[in-house]
Amino acid sequence: MSLTPEHRIKAFIDLIKDQPSVFLPENRIDLEQQIDKFPEDVESLSEAISAWCLEHPDILIALSDKPDSMFGSTPRKQMGPGESNPKPKPEDYKTNIKNQMRESFPETTPEATKEQKPPDSSK
């Protein structure tokens, strides 16, 4: 089964969610720094994710196993009319990745770093 760019992006988001331990701390920081430079359109974003994963072999291996479990064996047509989720807009994919990163890697996000600093006592 040939995966669409949307499936690749979704697999990457699910990898962050389901296997955050695959991402070493330096990978998390690198992804955090690179994500804003990734393009918005779906096909280019999918290619940018693939290129980033090529630089991180452990993540690439985990990602290559992900689509098989997500899209390969179980049919997706079993949802009723009220159960289907709307398809994300192309510009939402990067936001979805960032949100999942914040949820799965809280220690590498700027917000978590700020919370760990002591309050400024000079005020």
Protein backbone atom coordinates (compact mmCIF):
# COMPACT_ATOMS: atom_id res chain seq x y z
CA MET A 1 0.00 0.00 0.00
CA SER A 2 1.47 3.31 -1.05
CA LEU A 3 1.14 5.94 1.65
CA THR A 4 -0.11 9.41 0.92
CA PRO A 5 1.73 12.44 2.33
CA GLU A 6 -1.14 12.82 4.82
CA HIS A 7 -0.61 9.25 6.04
CA ARG A 8 3.12 9.85 6.47
CA ILE A 9 2.50 13.00 8.52
CA LYS A 10 -0.13 11.25 10.61
CA ALA A 11 2.25 8.33 11.20
CA PHE A 12 4.93 10.79 12.38
CA ILE A 13 2.48 12.47 14.79
CA ASP A 14 1.42 9.06 16.10
CA LEU A 15 5.06 8.05 16.52
CA ILE A 16 5.65 11.12 18.70
CA LYS A 17 2.54 10.24 20.69
CA ASP A 18 3.00 6.47 21.01
CA GLN A 19 6.79 6.10 21.13
CA PRO A 20 8.32 9.31 22.51
CA SER A 21 11.25 7.29 23.89
CA VAL A 22 12.51 6.79 20.30
CA PHE A 23 13.30 10.52 20.24
CA LEU A 24 16.53 11.14 22.14
CA PRO A 25 16.75 14.52 23.93
CA GLU A 26 19.01 15.93 21.21
CA ASN A 27 16.51 14.72 18.54
CA ARG A 28 13.70 16.46 20.39
CA ILE A 29 15.62 19.72 20.57
CA ASP A 30 16.60 19.47 16.91
CA LEU A 31 13.00 18.80 15.84
CA GLU A 32 11.81 21.69 18.01
CA GLN A 33 14.28 23.98 16.25
CA GLN A 34 13.53 22.67 12.74
CA ILE A 35 9.74 22.37 12.77
CA ASP A 36 9.12 26.08 12.12
CA LYS A 37 11.35 25.87 9.05
CA PHE A 38 9.30 23.00 7.59
CA PRO A 39 6.94 23.99 4.75
CA GLU A 40 3.18 24.31 5.26
CA ASP A 41 1.87 22.39 2.25
CA VAL A 42 1.20 18.71 2.89
CA GLU A 43 3.46 17.17 0.25
CA SER A 44 6.47 19.37 1.10
CA LEU A 45 5.91 18.89 4.83
CA SER A 46 5.85 15.13 4.34
CA GLU A 47 9.11 15.33 2.37
CA ALA A 48 10.71 17.54 5.05
CA ILE A 49 9.73 15.04 7.76
CA SER A 50 11.17 12.19 5.68
CA ALA A 51 14.41 14.12 5.15
CA TRP A 52 14.66 14.92 8.87
CA CYS A 53 14.08 11.25 9.73
CA LEU A 54 16.87 10.21 7.35
CA GLU A 55 19.26 12.06 9.67
CA HIS A 56 17.94 10.06 12.66
CA PRO A 57 18.05 6.32 11.76
CA ASP A 58 16.33 5.04 14.92
CA ILE A 59 13.37 7.34 14.31
CA LEU A 60 13.30 6.39 10.62
CA ILE A 61 13.11 2.69 11.50
CA ALA A 62 10.33 3.27 14.03
CA LEU A 63 8.46 5.44 11.56
CA SER A 64 8.76 2.86 8.78
CA ASP A 65 7.07 0.31 11.09
CA LYS A 66 4.30 2.72 12.09
CA PRO A 67 2.21 2.86 8.86
CA ASP A 68 1.92 -0.93 8.74
CA SER A 69 0.28 -0.99 12.14
CA MET A 70 -1.85 2.09 11.42
CA PHE A 71 -3.05 1.59 7.87
CA GLY A 72 -2.11 -1.94 6.84
CA SER A 73 -4.19 -4.54 8.63
CA THR A 74 -7.36 -2.94 9.96
CA PRO A 75 -10.04 -1.57 7.65
CA ARG A 76 -10.98 2.05 8.36
CA LYS A 77 -14.51 1.99 6.93
CA GLN A 78 -16.11 0.77 10.18
CA MET A 79 -16.97 4.21 11.55
CA GLY A 80 -20.54 5.38 11.71
CA PRO A 81 -21.62 8.80 10.39
CA GLY A 82 -21.21 10.53 13.76
CA GLU A 83 -17.81 8.98 14.44
CA SER A 84 -15.78 10.33 11.53
CA ASN A 85 -13.38 13.15 12.25
CA PRO A 86 -13.00 16.04 9.83
CA LYS A 87 -9.84 15.92 7.75
CA PRO A 88 -7.26 18.44 9.01
CA LYS A 89 -6.50 21.43 6.84
CA PRO A 90 -2.96 21.45 5.39
CA GLU A 91 -1.88 24.34 7.60
CA ASP A 92 -3.01 22.40 10.68
CA TYR A 93 -0.50 19.56 10.29
CA LYS A 94 2.48 21.55 11.63
CA THR A 95 0.35 22.77 14.52
CA ASN A 96 -0.70 19.19 15.25
CA ILE A 97 2.96 18.09 15.27
CA LYS A 98 3.91 20.95 17.62
CA ASN A 99 1.00 20.19 19.94
CA GLN A 100 1.91 16.51 20.09
CA MET A 101 5.55 17.42 20.77
CA ARG A 102 4.49 19.66 23.68
CA GLU A 103 2.37 16.84 25.07
CA SER A 104 4.91 14.04 24.56
CA PHE A 105 8.16 15.95 25.20
CA PRO A 106 7.24 18.43 27.94
CA GLU A 107 10.80 18.70 29.22
CA THR A 108 12.15 20.12 25.93
CA THR A 109 9.53 22.77 25.31
CA PRO A 110 10.34 26.42 26.10
CA GLU A 111 7.42 26.57 28.55
CA ALA A 112 8.87 23.70 30.60
CA THR A 113 12.31 25.31 30.57
CA LYS A 114 10.88 28.62 31.82
CA GLU A 115 9.06 26.89 34.66
CA GLN A 116 12.30 25.32 35.90
CA LYS A 117 14.10 28.65 36.25
CA PRO A 118 13.88 30.33 39.64
CA PRO A 119 11.89 33.53 39.78
CA ASP A 120 13.78 36.77 39.25
CA SER A 121 14.31 38.19 42.74
CA SER A 122 15.67 41.54 41.55
CA LYS A 123 12.18 42.90 40.83
